[in-house]
N, C-alpha and C. Protein backbone atom coordinates (compact mmCIF):
# COMPACT_ATOMS: atom_id res chain seq x y z
N MET A 1 6.63 -6.27 22.70
CA MET A 1 6.12 -6.60 21.33
C MET A 1 5.92 -5.35 20.50
N LYS A 2 6.05 -5.19 19.35
CA LYS A 2 5.44 -4.40 19.07
C LYS A 2 4.12 -4.43 17.64
N ASN A 3 3.24 -3.62 17.36
CA ASN A 3 2.28 -3.87 16.73
C ASN A 3 2.47 -2.86 15.37
N ILE A 4 2.97 -3.47 13.95
CA ILE A 4 3.34 -3.12 13.12
C ILE A 4 2.58 -2.97 11.90
N GLY A 5 2.17 -1.91 11.00
CA GLY A 5 1.58 -2.81 10.02
C GLY A 5 2.34 -2.65 8.68
N PHE A 6 1.98 -2.81 7.76
CA PHE A 6 2.76 -3.59 6.52
C PHE A 6 1.85 -3.22 5.17
N PHE A 7 2.36 -2.46 4.33
CA PHE A 7 1.53 -1.69 3.92
C PHE A 7 2.10 -1.38 2.48
N GLY A 8 1.92 -2.61 1.34
CA GLY A 8 2.57 -2.55 -0.08
C GLY A 8 1.88 -2.06 -1.12
N GLY A 9 2.53 -2.19 -2.09
CA GLY A 9 1.65 -1.67 -3.32
C GLY A 9 2.57 -1.24 -4.42
N SER A 10 2.08 -0.59 -5.56
CA SER A 10 2.94 -0.33 -6.68
C SER A 10 3.30 1.22 -5.80
N PHE A 11 2.73 2.17 -5.48
CA PHE A 11 2.56 3.22 -5.25
C PHE A 11 3.27 4.00 -6.72
N ASP A 12 2.52 4.57 -7.69
CA ASP A 12 2.58 4.75 -9.15
C ASP A 12 1.79 5.53 -9.28
N PRO A 13 1.88 7.08 -9.02
CA PRO A 13 2.74 7.12 -7.48
C PRO A 13 2.20 7.31 -6.60
N ILE A 14 2.81 7.25 -5.24
CA ILE A 14 1.77 7.30 -3.94
C ILE A 14 0.82 8.47 -3.90
N HIS A 15 0.14 8.45 -3.28
CA HIS A 15 -0.63 9.96 -3.12
C HIS A 15 -1.26 10.37 -1.62
N LEU A 16 -2.31 11.43 -1.50
CA LEU A 16 -2.89 11.37 -0.41
C LEU A 16 -3.53 10.07 0.13
N GLY A 17 -4.27 9.64 -0.95
CA GLY A 17 -5.06 8.95 -0.53
C GLY A 17 -4.23 7.36 0.21
N HIS A 18 -3.15 7.13 -0.06
CA HIS A 18 -2.36 6.20 0.55
C HIS A 18 -2.11 6.55 1.92
N LEU A 19 -1.37 8.11 1.86
CA LEU A 19 -1.06 8.24 3.24
C LEU A 19 -2.26 8.17 4.51
N ASN A 20 -3.67 8.94 3.94
CA ASN A 20 -4.60 9.24 4.48
C ASN A 20 -4.79 7.26 5.20
N LEU A 21 -4.83 6.80 4.34
CA LEU A 21 -5.35 5.27 4.73
C LEU A 21 -4.66 5.23 5.56
N ALA A 22 -3.50 4.97 5.36
CA ALA A 22 -2.27 4.62 7.00
C ALA A 22 -2.38 5.44 7.55
N ILE A 23 -2.72 6.78 7.62
CA ILE A 23 -2.67 7.26 8.94
C ILE A 23 -3.92 6.87 9.75
N GLN A 24 -5.41 6.53 9.32
CA GLN A 24 -6.44 6.44 10.07
C GLN A 24 -6.30 4.92 10.28
N ILE A 25 -5.39 3.74 9.83
CA ILE A 25 -5.25 2.95 10.53
C ILE A 25 -4.40 2.75 11.55
N LEU A 26 -3.18 3.16 11.38
CA LEU A 26 -2.31 3.52 12.32
C LEU A 26 -3.03 4.04 13.88
N GLU A 27 -3.70 5.37 13.89
CA GLU A 27 -4.50 5.93 14.87
C GLU A 27 -5.64 4.44 15.12
N LYS A 28 -6.43 4.26 14.18
CA LYS A 28 -7.14 3.31 14.92
C LYS A 28 -7.02 2.37 15.41
N LEU A 29 -5.91 1.04 15.50
CA LEU A 29 -5.58 0.58 16.05
C LEU A 29 -4.18 0.79 16.51
N LYS A 30 -3.86 1.89 17.13
CA LYS A 30 -2.76 2.14 18.04
C LYS A 30 -1.28 1.40 17.68
N LEU A 31 -1.43 1.59 16.45
CA LEU A 31 -0.04 0.68 15.63
C LEU A 31 1.43 1.45 16.16
N ASP A 32 2.34 1.05 16.09
CA ASP A 32 3.09 1.44 16.56
C ASP A 32 4.19 2.41 15.63
N LYS A 33 4.00 1.70 14.15
CA LYS A 33 4.95 1.78 12.92
C LYS A 33 4.17 1.10 12.15
N ILE A 34 3.78 1.85 10.53
CA ILE A 34 3.88 1.32 9.25
C ILE A 34 4.96 1.04 8.51
N ILE A 35 5.31 0.00 8.15
CA ILE A 35 5.85 -0.30 7.22
C ILE A 35 5.58 0.39 5.74
N PHE A 36 6.14 1.38 4.67
CA PHE A 36 5.44 0.94 3.31
C PHE A 36 6.64 -0.01 2.30
N CYS A 37 6.17 -0.80 1.67
CA CYS A 37 6.87 -1.62 0.70
C CYS A 37 6.45 -1.58 -0.65
N PRO A 38 6.91 -0.58 -1.40
CA PRO A 38 6.59 -0.95 -3.39
C PRO A 38 7.38 -1.61 -3.64
N ALA A 39 6.22 -2.38 -4.06
CA ALA A 39 6.58 -3.56 -5.09
C ALA A 39 7.53 -3.36 -6.49
N ASN A 40 8.38 -4.16 -6.83
CA ASN A 40 8.87 -4.46 -7.90
C ASN A 40 7.94 -4.55 -8.96
N VAL A 41 7.08 -5.36 -8.95
CA VAL A 41 6.54 -6.08 -10.37
C VAL A 41 5.34 -6.75 -9.40
N SER A 42 3.90 -6.47 -9.25
CA SER A 42 2.83 -7.01 -8.87
C SER A 42 2.63 -8.19 -9.71
N PRO A 43 2.39 -9.51 -9.25
CA PRO A 43 2.00 -10.29 -9.99
C PRO A 43 0.47 -10.11 -11.11
N PHE A 44 -0.29 -8.80 -10.36
CA PHE A 44 -1.17 -8.72 -11.08
C PHE A 44 -0.96 -8.02 -12.07
N LYS A 45 0.21 -7.44 -11.82
CA LYS A 45 0.59 -5.98 -13.10
C LYS A 45 1.49 -6.44 -14.20
N THR A 46 2.02 -7.88 -14.53
CA THR A 46 2.97 -8.05 -15.30
C THR A 46 2.67 -7.67 -16.61
N GLU A 47 1.48 -7.83 -17.38
CA GLU A 47 1.12 -7.52 -18.34
C GLU A 47 1.16 -5.98 -18.72
N ASN A 48 0.72 -4.92 -17.51
CA ASN A 48 0.68 -3.84 -17.35
C ASN A 48 1.78 -3.55 -16.13
N PRO A 49 3.09 -3.36 -15.94
CA PRO A 49 3.71 -2.73 -14.95
C PRO A 49 3.85 -1.38 -15.23
N PRO A 50 4.51 -1.35 -13.47
CA PRO A 50 4.72 -0.07 -13.21
C PRO A 50 4.93 0.77 -14.41
N ILE A 51 4.87 2.14 -14.13
CA ILE A 51 4.95 3.35 -15.63
C ILE A 51 6.22 4.14 -14.50
N ALA A 52 6.61 4.10 -13.57
CA ALA A 52 8.02 4.79 -12.70
C ALA A 52 9.12 3.44 -12.30
N SER A 53 10.07 3.70 -12.76
CA SER A 53 10.96 2.54 -12.51
C SER A 53 10.51 2.29 -11.12
N SER A 54 11.08 0.96 -10.61
CA SER A 54 11.28 0.96 -8.89
C SER A 54 11.96 1.91 -7.90
N LYS A 55 13.20 2.36 -8.38
CA LYS A 55 13.80 3.73 -7.87
C LYS A 55 13.60 4.35 -7.67
N ASP A 56 12.46 5.10 -8.32
CA ASP A 56 11.85 6.62 -8.34
C ASP A 56 10.61 5.97 -7.52
N ARG A 57 9.86 5.10 -7.68
CA ARG A 57 8.73 4.78 -7.11
C ARG A 57 9.14 4.63 -5.26
N PHE A 58 10.30 4.35 -5.09
CA PHE A 58 10.50 4.20 -3.74
C PHE A 58 10.78 5.55 -3.31
N GLU A 59 11.57 6.55 -4.09
CA GLU A 59 12.00 7.80 -3.56
C GLU A 59 10.81 8.62 -3.62
N MET A 60 9.92 8.70 -4.09
CA MET A 60 8.53 9.09 -4.04
C MET A 60 8.16 8.52 -2.60
N VAL A 61 7.99 7.58 -1.98
CA VAL A 61 7.12 7.03 -1.00
C VAL A 61 8.56 7.42 0.00
N LYS A 62 9.23 7.72 -0.16
CA LYS A 62 10.29 8.04 0.82
C LYS A 62 10.25 9.50 1.36
N ILE A 63 10.04 10.51 0.14
CA ILE A 63 9.65 11.77 0.10
C ILE A 63 8.55 11.68 0.96
N ALA A 64 7.34 10.90 0.78
CA ALA A 64 5.50 11.36 1.04
C ALA A 64 6.11 11.13 2.40
N ILE A 65 6.69 10.18 2.67
CA ILE A 65 6.50 10.07 4.58
C ILE A 65 7.61 10.35 5.01
N GLN A 66 8.58 10.92 4.78
CA GLN A 66 9.63 11.55 5.72
C GLN A 66 9.46 12.48 6.79
N ASP A 67 7.76 12.68 7.06
CA ASP A 67 7.51 13.77 7.96
C ASP A 67 7.06 13.27 9.01
N PHE A 68 6.68 11.87 8.65
CA PHE A 68 5.91 10.76 9.64
C PHE A 68 6.48 10.13 10.50
N LYS A 69 6.07 10.42 11.81
CA LYS A 69 7.41 9.64 12.75
C LYS A 69 7.56 8.26 12.79
N ASN A 70 6.48 7.89 12.34
CA ASN A 70 5.55 6.34 12.74
C ASN A 70 5.73 5.53 11.34
N PHE A 71 5.88 6.39 10.06
CA PHE A 71 6.45 5.41 9.09
C PHE A 71 7.55 5.57 8.82
N ASP A 72 7.65 4.21 8.21
CA ASP A 72 8.98 3.43 8.13
C ASP A 72 8.81 2.66 6.30
N LEU A 73 9.86 2.32 5.78
CA LEU A 73 9.93 2.40 4.48
C LEU A 73 11.20 1.25 4.52
N THR A 74 10.43 0.35 3.51
CA THR A 74 11.70 -0.34 3.24
C THR A 74 11.66 -1.21 1.14
N ASN A 75 12.99 -1.61 1.18
CA ASN A 75 13.55 -1.51 -0.49
C ASN A 75 13.43 -3.33 -0.57
N PHE A 76 12.96 -4.16 0.08
CA PHE A 76 13.29 -5.59 0.01
C PHE A 76 12.58 -6.12 -1.55
N GLU A 77 11.36 -5.81 -2.09
CA GLU A 77 10.88 -5.87 -2.95
C GLU A 77 11.33 -5.62 -3.85
N ILE A 78 11.83 -4.33 -3.97
CA ILE A 78 12.86 -3.56 -5.33
C ILE A 78 14.03 -4.04 -5.31
N ARG A 79 14.37 -4.51 -3.94
CA ARG A 79 16.28 -4.79 -4.28
C ARG A 79 16.22 -6.50 -4.70
N ASN A 80 14.90 -7.28 -4.96
CA ASN A 80 15.08 -9.03 -5.25
C ASN A 80 14.54 -8.54 -7.12
N GLU A 81 14.42 -7.32 -7.41
CA GLU A 81 14.56 -7.03 -8.99
C GLU A 81 13.28 -8.13 -9.78
N ASN A 82 13.01 -8.94 -8.95
CA ASN A 82 11.39 -10.09 -9.29
C ASN A 82 9.89 -9.53 -9.53
N ILE A 83 9.22 -10.44 -9.26
CA ILE A 83 7.86 -10.47 -9.15
C ILE A 83 7.80 -10.43 -7.74
N SER A 84 6.91 -9.16 -7.37
CA SER A 84 7.00 -9.30 -6.07
C SER A 84 5.94 -10.16 -5.09
N TYR A 85 6.38 -10.85 -4.07
CA TYR A 85 4.73 -11.65 -3.65
C TYR A 85 5.10 -11.34 -2.07
N THR A 86 3.77 -11.08 -1.73
CA THR A 86 3.99 -10.20 -0.59
C THR A 86 4.17 -11.20 0.56
N ILE A 87 3.83 -12.95 0.94
CA ILE A 87 4.44 -13.47 1.78
C ILE A 87 5.74 -13.74 1.72
N ASN A 88 6.82 -12.99 0.64
CA ASN A 88 8.40 -13.61 0.49
C ASN A 88 8.82 -12.41 1.58
N THR A 89 7.98 -11.08 1.26
CA THR A 89 8.43 -10.14 2.12
C THR A 89 7.87 -10.30 3.96
N LEU A 90 6.78 -10.30 3.63
CA LEU A 90 6.63 -10.73 5.36
C LEU A 90 7.31 -12.02 6.05
N LYS A 91 7.59 -12.95 5.65
CA LYS A 91 8.58 -14.02 6.06
C LYS A 91 10.16 -13.00 6.34
N GLU A 92 10.68 -12.39 5.46
CA GLU A 92 11.87 -11.27 5.50
C GLU A 92 11.61 -10.45 6.39
N ILE A 93 10.23 -10.28 6.99
CA ILE A 93 10.26 -9.02 7.95
C ILE A 93 9.77 -9.48 9.41
N LYS A 94 9.44 -10.65 9.16
CA LYS A 94 8.60 -11.57 10.41
C LYS A 94 9.75 -11.33 11.69
N ASN A 95 9.14 -11.17 12.18
CA ASN A 95 9.96 -11.23 13.97
C ASN A 95 9.05 -11.52 14.94
N SER A 96 9.61 -11.40 16.37
CA SER A 96 8.23 -11.55 17.42
C SER A 96 7.38 -10.05 17.28
N ASP A 97 7.47 -9.26 15.89
CA ASP A 97 6.39 -8.36 16.56
C ASP A 97 5.01 -8.97 15.75
N ASN A 98 3.94 -8.30 16.18
CA ASN A 98 2.99 -8.87 15.71
C ASN A 98 2.44 -7.77 14.14
N LEU A 99 2.02 -8.57 13.12
CA LEU A 99 2.02 -7.84 11.96
C LEU A 99 0.95 -7.73 11.64
N ARG A 100 0.55 -6.56 10.62
CA ARG A 100 -0.87 -6.41 10.43
C ARG A 100 -0.74 -5.87 8.78
N LEU A 101 -1.78 -6.76 7.95
CA LEU A 101 -0.84 -6.59 6.73
C LEU A 101 -2.27 -5.51 5.95
N ILE A 102 -2.01 -4.18 5.66
CA ILE A 102 -2.94 -3.51 5.36
C ILE A 102 -3.62 -3.91 4.00
N ILE A 103 -4.46 -3.74 3.71
CA ILE A 103 -5.43 -3.51 2.06
C ILE A 103 -6.43 -3.12 1.93
N THR A 104 -6.46 -2.10 0.75
CA THR A 104 -8.12 -1.75 0.78
C THR A 104 -9.16 -3.03 -0.15
N GLU A 105 -10.16 -2.10 0.09
CA GLU A 105 -11.38 -3.14 -0.06
C GLU A 105 -11.61 -4.00 -1.24
N ASP A 106 -11.15 -2.88 -2.55
CA ASP A 106 -10.64 -3.31 -3.42
C ASP A 106 -9.93 -4.65 -3.52
N THR A 107 -8.79 -4.31 -3.29
CA THR A 107 -7.46 -5.44 -2.88
C THR A 107 -8.59 -6.61 -2.34
N LEU A 108 -9.40 -6.94 -0.83
CA LEU A 108 -9.56 -7.88 -0.58
C LEU A 108 -10.71 -9.01 -1.54
N LEU A 109 -10.76 -8.57 -3.01
CA LEU A 109 -11.76 -8.98 -3.48
C LEU A 109 -11.46 -10.01 -4.56
N ASN A 110 -9.68 -9.78 -4.10
CA ASN A 110 -8.81 -10.78 -5.09
C ASN A 110 -7.71 -11.05 -4.33
N PHE A 111 -8.05 -11.13 -2.87
CA PHE A 111 -6.98 -11.43 -2.04
C PHE A 111 -6.57 -12.94 -1.84
N HIS A 112 -7.88 -14.39 -2.15
CA HIS A 112 -7.94 -15.67 -2.74
C HIS A 112 -6.54 -15.66 -3.62
N LYS A 113 -6.85 -14.78 -4.48
CA LYS A 113 -5.53 -15.24 -6.09
C LYS A 113 -4.10 -15.17 -5.59
N TRP A 114 -3.83 -14.39 -4.56
CA TRP A 114 -2.38 -13.49 -4.06
C TRP A 114 -1.78 -15.44 -3.70
N LYS A 115 -0.69 -15.46 -4.00
CA LYS A 115 0.27 -16.44 -3.81
C LYS A 115 0.77 -16.96 -2.31
N ASP A 116 0.28 -18.05 -1.93
CA ASP A 116 0.48 -18.48 -0.43
C ASP A 116 -0.84 -17.14 0.53
N TYR A 117 -1.54 -17.26 0.37
CA TYR A 117 -2.71 -16.26 0.85
C TYR A 117 -3.28 -17.11 2.26
N LYS A 118 -3.57 -18.67 2.78
CA LYS A 118 -3.24 -18.53 3.47
C LYS A 118 -2.33 -18.61 4.59
N ASN A 119 -0.74 -18.97 4.26
CA ASN A 119 0.33 -18.72 4.86
C ASN A 119 0.00 -17.37 5.19
N ILE A 120 0.19 -16.36 4.41
CA ILE A 120 0.08 -15.03 5.02
C ILE A 120 -0.55 -14.46 5.86
N LEU A 121 -2.15 -15.18 6.26
CA LEU A 121 -3.00 -14.99 7.25
C LEU A 121 -2.42 -15.35 8.37
N GLN A 122 -1.78 -16.59 8.29
CA GLN A 122 -1.20 -17.32 9.42
C GLN A 122 0.36 -16.25 10.01
N ILE A 123 0.75 -15.29 9.10
CA ILE A 123 1.68 -14.74 9.67
C ILE A 123 1.55 -13.19 9.91
N ALA A 124 0.57 -12.98 9.52
CA ALA A 124 -0.35 -11.16 9.94
C ALA A 124 -1.41 -11.18 9.72
N LEU A 125 -2.11 -10.46 10.11
CA LEU A 125 -3.41 -10.22 10.67
C LEU A 125 -3.86 -9.14 9.50
N LEU A 126 -4.67 -9.81 8.50
CA LEU A 126 -5.45 -9.08 7.79
C LEU A 126 -6.52 -7.78 8.06
N ILE A 127 -5.66 -6.47 7.49
CA ILE A 127 -6.83 -5.29 8.09
C ILE A 127 -7.16 -4.52 6.87
N VAL A 128 -8.44 -4.47 6.96
CA VAL A 128 -8.77 -3.86 5.78
C VAL A 128 -9.53 -2.93 5.68
N GLY A 129 -8.90 -1.89 4.93
CA GLY A 129 -9.21 0.10 5.45
C GLY A 129 -10.73 0.02 4.50
N VAL A 130 -12.11 -0.12 4.93
CA VAL A 130 -13.73 0.20 4.63
C VAL A 130 -14.03 0.76 4.63
N ARG A 131 -15.03 1.67 3.30
CA ARG A 131 -15.49 2.56 3.21
C ARG A 131 -16.92 2.36 3.00
N ASN A 132 -17.51 1.04 2.44
CA ASN A 132 -18.58 0.64 1.95
C ASN A 132 -19.34 -0.39 2.97
N LYS A 133 -19.84 -0.31 3.14
CA LYS A 133 -21.03 -1.21 4.14
C LYS A 133 -21.07 -2.80 3.87
N PHE A 134 -21.16 -2.82 2.63
CA PHE A 134 -21.39 -4.46 2.37
C PHE A 134 -20.08 -5.33 2.32
N LEU A 135 -18.88 -4.50 2.95
CA LEU A 135 -17.92 -5.54 2.94
C LEU A 135 -17.54 -5.91 4.51
N GLU A 136 -18.48 -5.22 4.95
CA GLU A 136 -18.35 -5.77 6.70
C GLU A 136 -19.02 -6.89 6.57
N ASN A 137 -20.37 -7.19 5.65
CA ASN A 137 -20.75 -8.78 5.82
C ASN A 137 -19.89 -9.70 4.41
N PHE A 138 -18.82 -9.41 4.27
CA PHE A 138 -17.99 -9.99 3.24
C PHE A 138 -17.75 -11.33 3.77
N LYS A 139 -17.91 -12.25 2.79
CA LYS A 139 -17.89 -13.94 3.22
C LYS A 139 -16.72 -14.18 2.06
N SER A 140 -15.73 -15.06 2.42
CA SER A 140 -15.49 -15.83 0.93
C SER A 140 -15.07 -17.37 1.36
N GLU A 141 -15.32 -17.91 0.34
CA GLU A 141 -15.15 -19.83 0.56
C GLU A 141 -13.70 -20.16 0.50
N ASN A 142 -12.64 -19.03 1.02
CA ASN A 142 -11.28 -19.30 0.89
C ASN A 142 -10.81 -19.40 2.46
N PHE A 143 -11.39 -18.49 3.05
CA PHE A 143 -11.14 -17.89 4.37
C PHE A 143 -12.05 -17.14 5.20
N THR A 144 -11.63 -16.80 5.85
CA THR A 144 -12.98 -16.28 7.26
C THR A 144 -12.41 -14.80 7.66
N LEU A 145 -12.94 -13.71 7.96
CA LEU A 145 -12.51 -12.24 8.81
C LEU A 145 -13.94 -12.32 9.31
N ASN A 146 -13.61 -11.34 10.61
CA ASN A 146 -14.49 -11.16 11.67
C ASN A 146 -14.47 -9.18 11.39
N ASN A 147 -14.89 -8.77 12.60
CA ASN A 147 -14.82 -7.85 12.59
C ASN A 147 -13.62 -6.56 13.22
N LYS A 148 -12.75 -7.46 13.40
CA LYS A 148 -11.21 -7.38 13.95
C LYS A 148 -10.66 -7.18 12.49
N ASN A 149 -10.87 -7.56 11.36
CA ASN A 149 -10.28 -7.38 10.18
C ASN A 149 -10.70 -6.22 9.59
N PHE A 150 -11.34 -5.56 10.16
CA PHE A 150 -12.01 -4.10 9.29
C PHE A 150 -12.00 -3.21 9.94
N VAL A 151 -11.32 -2.08 9.47
CA VAL A 151 -11.47 -0.77 9.99
C VAL A 151 -12.07 0.52 8.93
N LYS A 152 -12.88 0.87 9.62
CA LYS A 152 -13.73 2.08 9.22
C LYS A 152 -12.67 3.34 8.95
N THR A 153 -13.11 3.24 7.81
CA THR A 153 -12.10 4.71 6.85
C THR A 153 -12.54 5.43 6.02
N ASN A 154 -11.98 7.32 6.13
CA ASN A 154 -12.92 7.81 5.08
C ASN A 154 -11.59 7.55 3.93
N ILE A 155 -11.85 7.23 3.24
CA ILE A 155 -11.19 6.77 2.35
C ILE A 155 -11.33 8.05 1.16
N PHE A 156 -9.90 8.83 0.39
CA PHE A 156 -10.13 9.60 -0.58
C PHE A 156 -10.24 8.99 -1.55
N GLU A 157 -11.07 9.63 -2.31
CA GLU A 157 -11.49 8.90 -4.04
C GLU A 157 -10.26 9.19 -4.85
N ILE A 158 -9.21 8.69 -4.62
CA ILE A 158 -8.11 9.09 -5.55
C ILE A 158 -7.19 7.50 -6.34
N SER A 159 -7.23 8.08 -7.11
CA SER A 159 -6.25 6.53 -7.63
C SER A 159 -4.78 6.96 -8.59
N SER A 160 -4.00 6.29 -8.05
CA SER A 160 -2.81 6.64 -9.33
C SER A 160 -2.73 6.48 -11.11
N THR A 161 -3.65 6.15 -11.24
CA THR A 161 -4.28 6.48 -12.81
C THR A 161 -4.67 7.45 -13.07
N GLU A 162 -5.51 7.66 -12.34
CA GLU A 162 -6.16 9.03 -12.34
C GLU A 162 -5.05 10.65 -12.49
N ILE A 163 -4.06 10.41 -11.44
CA ILE A 163 -3.11 11.25 -11.60
C ILE A 163 -2.22 11.10 -12.91
N ARG A 164 -2.10 10.21 -12.91
CA ARG A 164 -1.07 9.91 -14.12
C ARG A 164 -1.40 10.22 -15.27
N LYS A 165 -3.19 10.35 -15.62
CA LYS A 165 -3.68 11.20 -16.48
C LYS A 165 -3.38 12.68 -16.61
N ARG A 166 -3.57 13.11 -15.45
CA ARG A 166 -3.74 14.68 -14.67
C ARG A 166 -2.16 15.43 -15.18
N LEU A 167 -1.44 14.48 -14.72
CA LEU A 167 0.37 14.35 -15.00
C LEU A 167 0.46 14.66 -16.89
N LYS A 168 -0.24 13.54 -17.30
CA LYS A 168 -0.34 13.85 -18.95
C LYS A 168 -0.62 14.56 -19.30
N ASN A 169 -1.68 15.27 -18.92
CA ASN A 169 -2.02 16.33 -19.48
C ASN A 169 -2.04 18.21 -18.53
N HIS A 170 -0.47 17.78 -17.99
CA HIS A 170 -0.44 19.02 -17.19
C HIS A 170 -1.54 19.76 -16.41
N LYS A 171 -2.04 18.85 -15.82
CA LYS A 171 -3.23 19.40 -14.89
C LYS A 171 -2.81 19.46 -14.00
N ASN A 172 -3.19 20.18 -13.00
CA ASN A 172 -2.76 20.85 -11.54
C ASN A 172 -2.78 19.23 -10.43
N CYS A 173 -1.74 18.87 -9.51
CA CYS A 173 -2.24 17.72 -8.76
C CYS A 173 -1.82 17.92 -7.55
N LEU A 174 -1.87 19.54 -6.98
CA LEU A 174 -1.31 19.48 -5.40
C LEU A 174 -1.71 18.92 -4.74
N HIS A 175 -3.47 18.74 -4.97
CA HIS A 175 -4.47 18.23 -4.62
C HIS A 175 -4.45 16.82 -3.47
N LEU A 176 -3.61 16.22 -4.56
CA LEU A 176 -3.45 14.93 -4.69
C LEU A 176 -2.54 14.17 -3.69
N ILE A 177 -1.12 14.98 -4.42
CA ILE A 177 -0.16 14.41 -4.04
C ILE A 177 1.06 15.31 -3.07
N PRO A 178 1.36 14.85 -1.98
CA PRO A 178 2.54 16.13 -1.19
C PRO A 178 3.38 16.61 -2.14
N LYS A 179 3.45 18.12 -1.94
CA LYS A 179 4.94 18.71 -2.89
C LYS A 179 5.42 18.26 -2.86
N GLU A 180 6.42 17.94 -2.06
CA GLU A 180 7.55 17.90 -2.50
C GLU A 180 7.56 16.45 -3.42
N THR A 181 6.41 15.71 -3.11
CA THR A 181 6.42 14.42 -4.16
C THR A 181 6.25 14.66 -5.36
N LEU A 182 5.67 15.62 -5.83
CA LEU A 182 5.25 16.45 -7.42
C LEU A 182 6.16 16.86 -7.47
N ASP A 183 7.26 17.72 -7.03
CA ASP A 183 8.51 18.26 -6.88
C ASP A 183 9.12 17.34 -7.56
N TYR A 184 9.42 15.86 -7.08
CA TYR A 184 10.02 15.32 -7.46
C TYR A 184 9.39 14.53 -8.63
N ILE A 185 8.65 14.56 -9.02
CA ILE A 185 7.47 13.89 -10.12
C ILE A 185 8.35 14.70 -11.57
N TYR A 186 8.39 15.85 -11.06
CA TYR A 186 8.57 17.07 -12.00
C TYR A 186 10.01 17.13 -12.56
N ASN A 187 10.99 16.92 -11.45
CA ASN A 187 12.21 17.37 -11.79
C ASN A 187 12.68 15.94 -12.54
N ARG A 188 11.93 14.66 -12.17
CA ARG A 188 12.56 13.61 -13.15
C ARG A 188 11.36 13.42 -14.30
N LYS A 189 10.91 14.55 -14.55
CA LYS A 189 9.51 14.49 -15.41
C LYS A 189 9.27 13.06 -15.75
N LEU A 190 8.72 12.58 -14.65
CA LEU A 190 7.64 11.52 -14.76
C LEU A 190 6.69 11.64 -15.19
N TYR A 191 5.75 10.25 -15.50
CA TYR A 191 4.63 10.48 -16.47
C TYR A 191 4.08 11.51 -17.26
N LEU A 192 4.82 12.39 -17.85
CA LEU A 192 4.76 13.55 -18.51
C LEU A 192 4.40 13.24 -19.96
């Protein structure tokens, strides 16, 4: 039985902050693999969908993780071309392995709004990459977490929104995105 991390998101674009979080959780929890899953459209972003196409976002993730032997990629959510619900994806990939759903502390604050969030917690152990102490004492009326749900990480303060602004303003982003992924962005004229 393997310990598998699941890391979903818009990845619009994927950046070093995403990779850093994934590596730290992989190593600290001794996971066998982390599966990245670009969302087609998050239910929380229907008013403001991703700028890059799902195909481009998939390709950017593929390029960004190509040199990491413990990172994998699924196109399950973009193949469906609907709103992406994590519960559906987890049901699809669930087998005898131990699944861990990786989220950030920002995401945790709205986790109770996710579709079938209680079922998600039955399928996968929630893993929250934390940098702020207040979340170690996190309380929710809807679900209970304990120390095994939190992994202390050094999170890079990078946002995809900020990267898109920098790209639009023709500013350097080599310190934020893997070079090959950035080359793909320039070749496809994304976010410019």
